[in-house]
Amino acid sequence: MANALEIIAHRGFSARAPENTVAAFELAWKSKADACELDVHLTADQQIAVIHDKDTERTTGTKLSISKSNWADLAGLDAGSWKDRAFTGEKIPTLKQALATLPKGNRRFFIEIKCGPEIVPVLQSELAGYEKKASQLAVISFNKEATAATKKAMPWLKVYQLSGAKNSKKQPVDLTALIAEARAAGLDGLDLGLDWPWTAEMVAQIRAAGLGVFAYTVNKPADVRKLASIGVDGITTDDPTMIRATLALQ
């Protein structure tokens, strides 16, 4: 990473290209993103599909459940034309196809588990050859069972806990408790939503626990400047060029 602040392209360069596609990842790398975030689900035949939603309707126009479909059912779908006709024919990639875009060097992928811990054994198998490239990979998830299982199965891998400021019952998440849970699971950091009451003290509290701290999904220059000023490790954004321009990075 060339900069103190890691710029993470959300689902690739999703402001300009269809999310979670090879085109979006390649555009992000060309645009000097330090990292790309992608989402993964497990198919019925134990393949890892790179897609955000539980089904394919929003990004392909054809509604198929990922967990109930075999990879062959998903592979031919058009996942690009919904964004722009220029991307017609862009496919849902497998995790292997997405990781194949990773440039040599110190850039990395953040793999977000969108299902549960059932994907971890398959993910472990897929990433078996990446131990020597450990610095180029991280796993993130809102699912605490998934993050804990990932860290236990692959201790060589960086694993970060995702969390919004409120839980599923719309109640505020207790940061102290979240930090304690992450430490107990041996995780490497927290990846927190923009909806949190971000302050320098909050970042310091997380750092004092020995954890990294990242923020998502940040698309306004004012928010970028604030988060950079209080010292977060990285920012996830739909538009990595906006962050570079905001921080006047070459």
C-alpha atoms as a PDB file:
ATOM      1  CA  MET A   1       0.000   0.000   0.000  1.00  0.00           C
ATOM      2  CA  ALA A   2       1.450   3.308  -1.091  1.00  0.00           C
ATOM      3  CA  ASN A   3      -0.523   5.514   1.315  1.00  0.00           C
ATOM      4  CA  ALA A   4      -1.104   5.587   5.063  1.00  0.00           C
ATOM      5  CA  LEU A   5      -4.845   5.286   4.392  1.00  0.00           C
ATOM      6  CA  GLU A   6      -5.961   2.147   2.553  1.00  0.00           C
ATOM      7  CA  ILE A   7      -8.467   2.968  -0.206  1.00  0.00           C
ATOM      8  CA  ILE A   8     -10.826   0.009  -0.657  1.00  0.00           C
ATOM      9  CA  ALA A   9     -13.041  -0.143  -3.748  1.00  0.00           C
ATOM     10  CA  HIS A  10     -16.499  -1.345  -2.681  1.00  0.00           C
ATOM     11  CA  ARG A  11     -17.472  -4.320  -4.847  1.00  0.00           C
ATOM     12  CA  GLY A  12     -14.763  -3.055  -7.184  1.00  0.00           C
ATOM     13  CA  PHE A  13     -15.141   0.386  -8.785  1.00  0.00           C
ATOM     14  CA  SER A  14     -18.915   0.064  -8.404  1.00  0.00           C
ATOM     15  CA  ALA A  15     -19.631   3.735  -9.109  1.00  0.00           C
ATOM     16  CA  ARG A  16     -18.579   3.191 -12.722  1.00  0.00           C
ATOM     17  CA  ALA A  17     -18.715  -0.562 -13.406  1.00  0.00           C
ATOM     18  CA  PRO A  18     -21.165  -3.339 -12.504  1.00  0.00           C
ATOM     19  CA  GLU A  19     -20.506  -4.372  -8.909  1.00  0.00           C
ATOM     20  CA  ASN A  20     -18.694  -7.597  -8.078  1.00  0.00           C
ATOM     21  CA  THR A  21     -17.533  -8.255 -11.642  1.00  0.00           C
ATOM     22  CA  VAL A  22     -14.087  -8.697 -13.142  1.00  0.00           C
ATOM     23  CA  ALA A  23     -14.622  -5.401 -14.995  1.00  0.00           C
ATOM     24  CA  ALA A  24     -15.210  -3.583 -11.701  1.00  0.00           C
ATOM     25  CA  PHE A  25     -12.112  -5.061 -10.073  1.00  0.00           C
ATOM     26  CA  GLU A  26      -9.860  -4.365 -13.050  1.00  0.00           C
ATOM     27  CA  LEU A  27     -11.089  -0.764 -13.240  1.00  0.00           C
ATOM     28  CA  ALA A  28     -10.388  -0.335  -9.532  1.00  0.00           C
ATOM     29  CA  TRP A  29      -6.817  -1.601  -9.919  1.00  0.00           C
ATOM     30  CA  LYS A  30      -6.259   0.703 -12.913  1.00  0.00           C
ATOM     31  CA  SER A  31      -7.595   3.576 -10.799  1.00  0.00           C
ATOM     32  CA  LYS A  32      -4.962   2.951  -8.105  1.00  0.00           C
ATOM     33  CA  ALA A  33      -7.258   1.500  -5.454  1.00  0.00           C
ATOM     34  CA  ASP A  34      -5.215  -0.133  -2.681  1.00  0.00           C
ATOM     35  CA  ALA A  35      -7.778  -2.900  -2.267  1.00  0.00           C
ATOM     36  CA  CYS A  36     -11.076  -4.244  -3.555  1.00  0.00           C
ATOM     37  CA  GLU A  37     -13.954  -5.536  -1.465  1.00  0.00           C
ATOM     38  CA  LEU A  38     -16.094  -8.351  -2.855  1.00  0.00           C
ATOM     39  CA  ASP A  39     -19.033 -10.401  -1.591  1.00  0.00           C
ATOM     40  CA  VAL A  40     -19.317 -14.185  -1.603  1.00  0.00           C
ATOM     41  CA  HIS A  41     -22.106 -16.746  -1.343  1.00  0.00           C
ATOM     42  CA  LEU A  42     -21.953 -20.536  -1.488  1.00  0.00           C
ATOM     43  CA  THR A  43     -23.840 -22.295  -4.275  1.00  0.00           C
ATOM     44  CA  ALA A  44     -25.747 -25.572  -3.945  1.00  0.00           C
ATOM     45  CA  ASP A  45     -22.809 -27.451  -5.482  1.00  0.00           C
ATOM     46  CA  GLN A  46     -20.249 -25.870  -3.142  1.00  0.00           C
ATOM     47  CA  GLN A  47     -18.853 -23.214  -5.458  1.00  0.00           C
ATOM     48  CA  ILE A  48     -18.065 -19.689  -4.266  1.00  0.00           C
ATOM     49  CA  ALA A  49     -19.960 -17.065  -6.278  1.00  0.00           C
ATOM     50  CA  VAL A  50     -19.002 -13.399  -6.115  1.00  0.00           C
ATOM     51  CA  ILE A  51     -22.302 -11.589  -5.658  1.00  0.00           C
ATOM     52  CA  HIS A  52     -23.850  -9.419  -2.940  1.00  0.00           C
ATOM     53  CA  ASP A  53     -27.498 -10.482  -2.860  1.00  0.00           C
ATOM     54  CA  LYS A  54     -28.971 -13.864  -1.919  1.00  0.00           C
ATOM     55  CA  ASP A  55     -30.397 -14.089  -5.415  1.00  0.00           C
ATOM     56  CA  THR A  56     -29.480 -12.870  -8.886  1.00  0.00           C
ATOM     57  CA  GLU A  57     -32.527 -10.735  -9.709  1.00  0.00           C
ATOM     58  CA  ARG A  58     -31.165  -7.216  -9.069  1.00  0.00           C
ATOM     59  CA  THR A  59     -27.942  -7.605 -11.033  1.00  0.00           C
ATOM     60  CA  THR A  60     -29.020 -10.008 -13.786  1.00  0.00           C
ATOM     61  CA  GLY A  61     -32.787  -9.625 -14.187  1.00  0.00           C
ATOM     62  CA  THR A  62     -33.220 -13.375 -13.636  1.00  0.00           C
ATOM     63  CA  LYS A  63     -34.162 -14.489 -10.131  1.00  0.00           C
ATOM     64  CA  LEU A  64     -32.193 -17.500  -8.949  1.00  0.00           C
ATOM     65  CA  SER A  65     -31.342 -18.259  -5.323  1.00  0.00           C
ATOM     66  CA  ILE A  66     -27.571 -18.599  -4.974  1.00  0.00           C
ATOM     67  CA  SER A  67     -27.725 -21.239  -2.244  1.00  0.00           C
ATOM     68  CA  LYS A  68     -30.240 -23.332  -4.177  1.00  0.00           C
ATOM     69  CA  SER A  69     -28.549 -23.057  -7.591  1.00  0.00           C
ATOM     70  CA  ASN A  70     -25.617 -24.919  -9.072  1.00  0.00           C
ATOM     71  CA  TRP A  71     -22.780 -22.872 -10.532  1.00  0.00           C
ATOM     72  CA  ALA A  72     -23.755 -23.937 -14.063  1.00  0.00           C
ATOM     73  CA  ASP A  73     -27.111 -22.191 -13.566  1.00  0.00           C
ATOM     74  CA  LEU A  74     -25.402 -18.911 -12.650  1.00  0.00           C
ATOM     75  CA  ALA A  75     -22.389 -18.877 -14.933  1.00  0.00           C
ATOM     76  CA  GLY A  76     -24.170 -17.740 -18.088  1.00  0.00           C
ATOM     77  CA  LEU A  77     -26.178 -14.875 -16.613  1.00  0.00           C
ATOM     78  CA  ASP A  78     -25.523 -11.306 -17.771  1.00  0.00           C
ATOM     79  CA  ALA A  79     -24.419  -9.348 -14.693  1.00  0.00           C
ATOM     80  CA  GLY A  80     -23.291  -6.223 -16.551  1.00  0.00           C
ATOM     81  CA  SER A  81     -25.986  -4.711 -18.731  1.00  0.00           C
ATOM     82  CA  TRP A  82     -28.101  -3.515 -15.769  1.00  0.00           C
ATOM     83  CA  LYS A  83     -25.339  -0.998 -15.053  1.00  0.00           C
ATOM     84  CA  ASP A  84     -24.596   0.051 -18.632  1.00  0.00           C
ATOM     85  CA  ARG A  85     -24.978  -1.568 -22.039  1.00  0.00           C
ATOM     86  CA  ALA A  86     -21.213  -1.217 -22.448  1.00  0.00           C
ATOM     87  CA  PHE A  87     -20.889  -4.023 -19.877  1.00  0.00           C
ATOM     88  CA  THR A  88     -23.339  -6.396 -21.554  1.00  0.00           C
ATOM     89  CA  GLY A  89     -22.172  -9.974 -21.156  1.00  0.00           C
ATOM     90  CA  GLU A  90     -20.159  -9.387 -17.975  1.00  0.00           C
ATOM     91  CA  LYS A  91     -20.606 -12.479 -15.812  1.00  0.00           C
ATOM     92  CA  ILE A  92     -20.914 -13.326 -12.133  1.00  0.00           C
ATOM     93  CA  PRO A  93     -17.358 -14.420 -11.321  1.00  0.00           C
ATOM     94  CA  THR A  94     -16.186 -17.236  -9.118  1.00  0.00           C
ATOM     95  CA  LEU A  95     -13.876 -16.273  -6.293  1.00  0.00           C
ATOM     96  CA  LYS A  96     -10.967 -17.754  -8.249  1.00  0.00           C
ATOM     97  CA  GLN A  97     -11.780 -15.557 -11.257  1.00  0.00           C
ATOM     98  CA  ALA A  98     -11.957 -12.461  -9.074  1.00  0.00           C
ATOM     99  CA  LEU A  99      -8.701 -13.216  -7.250  1.00  0.00           C
ATOM    100  CA  ALA A 100      -6.985 -13.744 -10.601  1.00  0.00           C
ATOM    101  CA  THR A 101      -7.236  -9.962 -11.182  1.00  0.00           C
ATOM    102  CA  LEU A 102      -5.130  -9.205  -8.096  1.00  0.00           C
ATOM    103  CA  PRO A 103      -1.985  -7.321  -9.136  1.00  0.00           C
ATOM    104  CA  LYS A 104       1.423  -8.385  -7.899  1.00  0.00           C
ATOM    105  CA  GLY A 105       2.651  -6.366  -4.952  1.00  0.00           C
ATOM    106  CA  ASN A 106       0.913  -5.145  -1.825  1.00  0.00           C
ATOM    107  CA  ARG A 107      -2.692  -4.591  -2.910  1.00  0.00           C
ATOM    108  CA  ARG A 108      -5.366  -6.887  -1.546  1.00  0.00           C
ATOM    109  CA  PHE A 109      -8.912  -8.221  -1.603  1.00  0.00           C
ATOM    110  CA  PHE A 110     -11.370  -7.964   1.280  1.00  0.00           C
ATOM    111  CA  ILE A 111     -13.625 -11.031   0.952  1.00  0.00           C
ATOM    112  CA  GLU A 112     -16.979 -10.417   2.595  1.00  0.00           C
ATOM    113  CA  ILE A 113     -18.848 -13.559   3.641  1.00  0.00           C
ATOM    114  CA  LYS A 114     -22.530 -12.845   2.989  1.00  0.00           C
ATOM    115  CA  CYS A 115     -23.800 -16.263   4.112  1.00  0.00           C
ATOM    116  CA  GLY A 116     -22.696 -18.120   7.227  1.00  0.00           C
ATOM    117  CA  PRO A 117     -19.856 -20.278   8.540  1.00  0.00           C
ATOM    118  CA  GLU A 118     -20.838 -23.119   6.193  1.00  0.00           C
ATOM    119  CA  ILE A 119     -18.710 -21.430   3.517  1.00  0.00           C
ATOM    120  CA  VAL A 120     -15.513 -21.518   5.608  1.00  0.00           C
ATOM    121  CA  PRO A 121     -14.306 -25.054   4.711  1.00  0.00           C
ATOM    122  CA  VAL A 122     -14.772 -24.292   1.007  1.00  0.00           C
ATOM    123  CA  LEU A 123     -13.061 -20.922   1.405  1.00  0.00           C
ATOM    124  CA  GLN A 124     -10.175 -22.602   3.208  1.00  0.00           C
ATOM    125  CA  SER A 125      -9.738 -24.971   0.287  1.00  0.00           C
ATOM    126  CA  GLU A 126      -9.910 -22.132  -2.252  1.00  0.00           C
ATOM    127  CA  LEU A 127      -7.301 -20.073  -0.398  1.00  0.00           C
ATOM    128  CA  ALA A 128      -4.946 -22.978   0.363  1.00  0.00           C
ATOM    129  CA  GLY A 129      -2.273 -21.650  -1.988  1.00  0.00           C
ATOM    130  CA  TYR A 130      -2.363 -18.102  -0.675  1.00  0.00           C
ATOM    131  CA  GLU A 131      -0.493 -18.435   2.622  1.00  0.00           C
ATOM    132  CA  LYS A 132       2.584 -16.811   1.078  1.00  0.00           C
ATOM    133  CA  LYS A 133       0.340 -13.972  -0.133  1.00  0.00           C
ATOM    134  CA  ALA A 134      -1.408 -13.545   3.204  1.00  0.00           C
ATOM    135  CA  SER A 135      -0.903  -9.777   3.170  1.00  0.00           C
ATOM    136  CA  GLN A 136      -2.985  -9.567  -0.012  1.00  0.00           C
ATOM    137  CA  LEU A 137      -6.129 -11.053   1.496  1.00  0.00           C
ATOM    138  CA  ALA A 138      -8.586 -10.323   4.295  1.00  0.00           C
ATOM    139  CA  VAL A 139     -11.977 -11.710   5.263  1.00  0.00           C
ATOM    140  CA  ILE A 140     -14.817  -9.593   6.631  1.00  0.00           C
ATOM    141  CA  SER A 141     -18.368 -10.409   7.669  1.00  0.00           C
ATOM    142  CA  PHE A 142     -21.290  -9.188   9.741  1.00  0.00           C
ATOM    143  CA  ASN A 143     -21.780 -12.830  10.781  1.00  0.00           C
ATOM    144  CA  LYS A 144     -19.770 -13.328  13.966  1.00  0.00           C
ATOM    145  CA  GLU A 145     -19.830 -17.115  13.647  1.00  0.00           C
ATOM    146  CA  ALA A 146     -18.337 -16.747  10.169  1.00  0.00           C
ATOM    147  CA  THR A 147     -15.522 -14.427  11.254  1.00  0.00           C
ATOM    148  CA  ALA A 148     -14.643 -16.605  14.253  1.00  0.00           C
ATOM    149  CA  ALA A 149     -14.685 -19.782  12.148  1.00  0.00           C
ATOM    150  CA  THR A 150     -12.538 -18.151   9.465  1.00  0.00           C
ATOM    151  CA  LYS A 151      -9.884 -17.055  11.947  1.00  0.00           C
ATOM    152  CA  LYS A 152      -9.848 -20.478  13.592  1.00  0.00           C
ATOM    153  CA  ALA A 153      -9.513 -22.280  10.241  1.00  0.00           C
ATOM    154  CA  MET A 154      -7.026 -19.837   8.720  1.00  0.00           C
ATOM    155  CA  PRO A 155      -5.084 -18.065  11.498  1.00  0.00           C
ATOM    156  CA  TRP A 156      -2.656 -16.740   8.866  1.00  0.00           C
ATOM    157  CA  LEU A 157      -5.424 -14.602   7.376  1.00  0.00           C
ATOM    158  CA  LYS A 158      -6.473 -11.108   8.501  1.00  0.00           C
ATOM    159  CA  VAL A 159     -10.118 -11.183   9.629  1.00  0.00           C
ATOM    160  CA  TYR A 160     -12.184  -8.109  10.482  1.00  0.00           C
ATOM    161  CA  GLN A 161     -15.642  -7.872  12.055  1.00  0.00           C
ATOM    162  CA  LEU A 162     -18.185  -5.766  10.188  1.00  0.00           C
ATOM    163  CA  SER A 163     -20.781  -3.859  12.189  1.00  0.00           C
ATOM    164  CA  GLY A 164     -23.240  -1.053  11.751  1.00  0.00           C
ATOM    165  CA  ALA A 165     -23.979   1.234  14.675  1.00  0.00           C
ATOM    166  CA  LYS A 166     -27.280  -0.563  15.376  1.00  0.00           C
ATOM    167  CA  ASN A 167     -28.138  -4.242  15.624  1.00  0.00           C
ATOM    168  CA  SER A 168     -30.982  -6.122  13.944  1.00  0.00           C
ATOM    169  CA  LYS A 169     -33.356  -4.865  16.667  1.00  0.00           C
ATOM    170  CA  LYS A 170     -32.382  -1.246  15.848  1.00  0.00           C
ATOM    171  CA  GLN A 171     -30.607  -0.929  19.191  1.00  0.00           C
ATOM    172  CA  PRO A 172     -27.182   0.767  19.480  1.00  0.00           C
ATOM    173  CA  VAL A 173     -24.225  -1.624  19.321  1.00  0.00           C
ATOM    174  CA  ASP A 174     -21.952  -1.379  22.348  1.00  0.00           C
ATOM    175  CA  LEU A 175     -18.439  -0.686  21.059  1.00  0.00           C
ATOM    176  CA  THR A 176     -16.713  -1.975  24.185  1.00  0.00           C
ATOM    177  CA  ALA A 177     -18.565  -5.292  23.910  1.00  0.00           C
ATOM    178  CA  LEU A 178     -17.847  -5.500  20.167  1.00  0.00           C
ATOM    179  CA  ILE A 179     -14.140  -4.985  20.821  1.00  0.00           C
ATOM    180  CA  ALA A 180     -14.173  -7.664  23.525  1.00  0.00           C
ATOM    181  CA  GLU A 181     -15.906 -10.153  21.184  1.00  0.00           C
ATOM    182  CA  ALA A 182     -13.413  -9.464  18.404  1.00  0.00           C
ATOM    183  CA  ARG A 183     -10.471  -9.980  20.743  1.00  0.00           C
ATOM    184  CA  ALA A 184     -11.957 -13.193  22.152  1.00  0.00           C
ATOM    185  CA  ALA A 185     -12.294 -14.563  18.615  1.00  0.00           C
ATOM    186  CA  GLY A 186      -8.708 -13.579  17.804  1.00  0.00           C
ATOM    187  CA  LEU A 187      -9.796 -11.160  15.081  1.00  0.00           C
ATOM    188  CA  ASP A 188      -7.545  -8.464  13.655  1.00  0.00           C
ATOM    189  CA  GLY A 189      -9.861  -5.471  13.630  1.00  0.00           C
ATOM    190  CA  LEU A 190     -13.244  -3.838  13.145  1.00  0.00           C
ATOM    191  CA  ASP A 191     -14.797  -2.570   9.916  1.00  0.00           C
ATOM    192  CA  LEU A 192     -17.518  -0.143  10.976  1.00  0.00           C
ATOM    193  CA  GLY A 193     -20.253   1.702   9.154  1.00  0.00           C
ATOM    194  CA  LEU A 194     -20.363   5.426   8.541  1.00  0.00           C
ATOM    195  CA  ASP A 195     -23.417   5.519  10.823  1.00  0.00           C
ATOM    196  CA  TRP A 196     -21.187   5.182  13.898  1.00  0.00           C
ATOM    197  CA  PRO A 197     -20.436   8.391  15.874  1.00  0.00           C
ATOM    198  CA  TRP A 198     -16.860   8.565  14.599  1.00  0.00           C
ATOM    199  CA  THR A 199     -14.377  10.386  16.833  1.00  0.00           C
ATOM    200  CA  ALA A 200     -10.641  10.281  17.465  1.00  0.00           C
ATOM    201  CA  GLU A 201     -11.422   8.801  20.892  1.00  0.00           C
ATOM    202  CA  MET A 202     -13.392   5.965  19.289  1.00  0.00           C
ATOM    203  CA  VAL A 203     -10.475   5.124  16.990  1.00  0.00           C
ATOM    204  CA  ALA A 204      -8.075   5.302  19.937  1.00  0.00           C
ATOM    205  CA  GLN A 205     -10.255   2.903  21.963  1.00  0.00           C
ATOM    206  CA  ILE A 206     -10.173   0.333  19.166  1.00  0.00           C
ATOM    207  CA  ARG A 207      -6.438   0.737  18.637  1.00  0.00           C
ATOM    208  CA  ALA A 208      -5.752   0.400  22.371  1.00  0.00           C
ATOM    209  CA  ALA A 209      -7.270  -3.077  22.139  1.00  0.00           C
ATOM    210  CA  GLY A 210      -4.729  -3.984  19.473  1.00  0.00           C
ATOM    211  CA  LEU A 211      -7.263  -3.914  16.639  1.00  0.00           C
ATOM    212  CA  GLY A 212      -7.237  -2.276  13.226  1.00  0.00           C
ATOM    213  CA  VAL A 213     -10.072   0.069  12.301  1.00  0.00           C
ATOM    214  CA  PHE A 214     -11.774   0.521   8.931  1.00  0.00           C
ATOM    215  CA  ALA A 215     -14.846   2.456   7.780  1.00  0.00           C
ATOM    216  CA  TYR A 216     -17.532   1.728   5.140  1.00  0.00           C
ATOM    217  CA  THR A 217     -19.185   2.868   2.762  1.00  0.00           C
ATOM    218  CA  VAL A 218     -17.880   6.411   2.336  1.00  0.00           C
ATOM    219  CA  ASN A 219     -18.768   8.424  -0.762  1.00  0.00           C
ATOM    220  CA  LYS A 220     -18.633  12.071   0.360  1.00  0.00           C
ATOM    221  CA  PRO A 221     -15.396  14.104   0.511  1.00  0.00           C
ATOM    222  CA  ALA A 222     -16.292  15.658   3.874  1.00  0.00           C
ATOM    223  CA  ASP A 223     -16.616  12.204   5.438  1.00  0.00           C
ATOM    224  CA  VAL A 224     -13.322  11.122   3.869  1.00  0.00           C
ATOM    225  CA  ARG A 225     -11.517  14.120   5.329  1.00  0.00           C
ATOM    226  CA  LYS A 226     -12.976  13.507   8.801  1.00  0.00           C
ATOM    227  CA  LEU A 227     -12.100   9.810   8.856  1.00  0.00           C
ATOM    228  CA  ALA A 228      -8.611  10.444   7.516  1.00  0.00           C
ATOM    229  CA  SER A 229      -8.035  13.108  10.173  1.00  0.00           C
ATOM    230  CA  ILE A 230      -8.902  10.762  13.050  1.00  0.00           C
ATOM    231  CA  GLY A 231      -6.595   8.047  11.752  1.00  0.00           C
ATOM    232  CA  VAL A 232      -8.620   5.112  10.444  1.00  0.00           C
ATOM    233  CA  ASP A 233      -6.600   2.442   8.646  1.00  0.00           C
ATOM    234  CA  GLY A 234      -8.800   2.268   5.576  1.00  0.00           C
ATOM    235  CA  ILE A 235     -11.967   3.515   3.911  1.00  0.00           C
ATOM    236  CA  THR A 236     -14.303   1.522   1.687  1.00  0.00           C
ATOM    237  CA  THR A 237     -15.893   3.549  -1.104  1.00  0.00           C
ATOM    238  CA  ASP A 238     -17.808   3.121  -4.354  1.00  0.00           C
ATOM    239  CA  ASP A 239     -15.447   5.672  -5.948  1.00  0.00           C
ATOM    240  CA  PRO A 240     -11.738   5.276  -5.136  1.00  0.00           C
ATOM    241  CA  THR A 241     -10.757   8.154  -7.404  1.00  0.00           C
ATOM    242  CA  MET A 242     -12.894  10.500  -5.272  1.00  0.00           C
ATOM    243  CA  ILE A 243     -10.842   9.619  -2.194  1.00  0.00           C
ATOM    244  CA  ARG A 244      -7.576  10.102  -4.054  1.00  0.00           C
ATOM    245  CA  ALA A 245      -8.738  13.502  -5.274  1.00  0.00           C
ATOM    246  CA  THR A 246     -10.030  14.514  -1.836  1.00  0.00           C
ATOM    247  CA  LEU A 247      -6.723  13.652  -0.179  1.00  0.00           C
ATOM    248  CA  ALA A 248      -4.696  15.013  -3.119  1.00  0.00           C
ATOM    249  CA  LEU A 249      -2.902  11.701  -3.650  1.00  0.00           C
ATOM    250  CA  GLN A 250      -0.793  11.214  -6.766  1.00  0.00           C
END
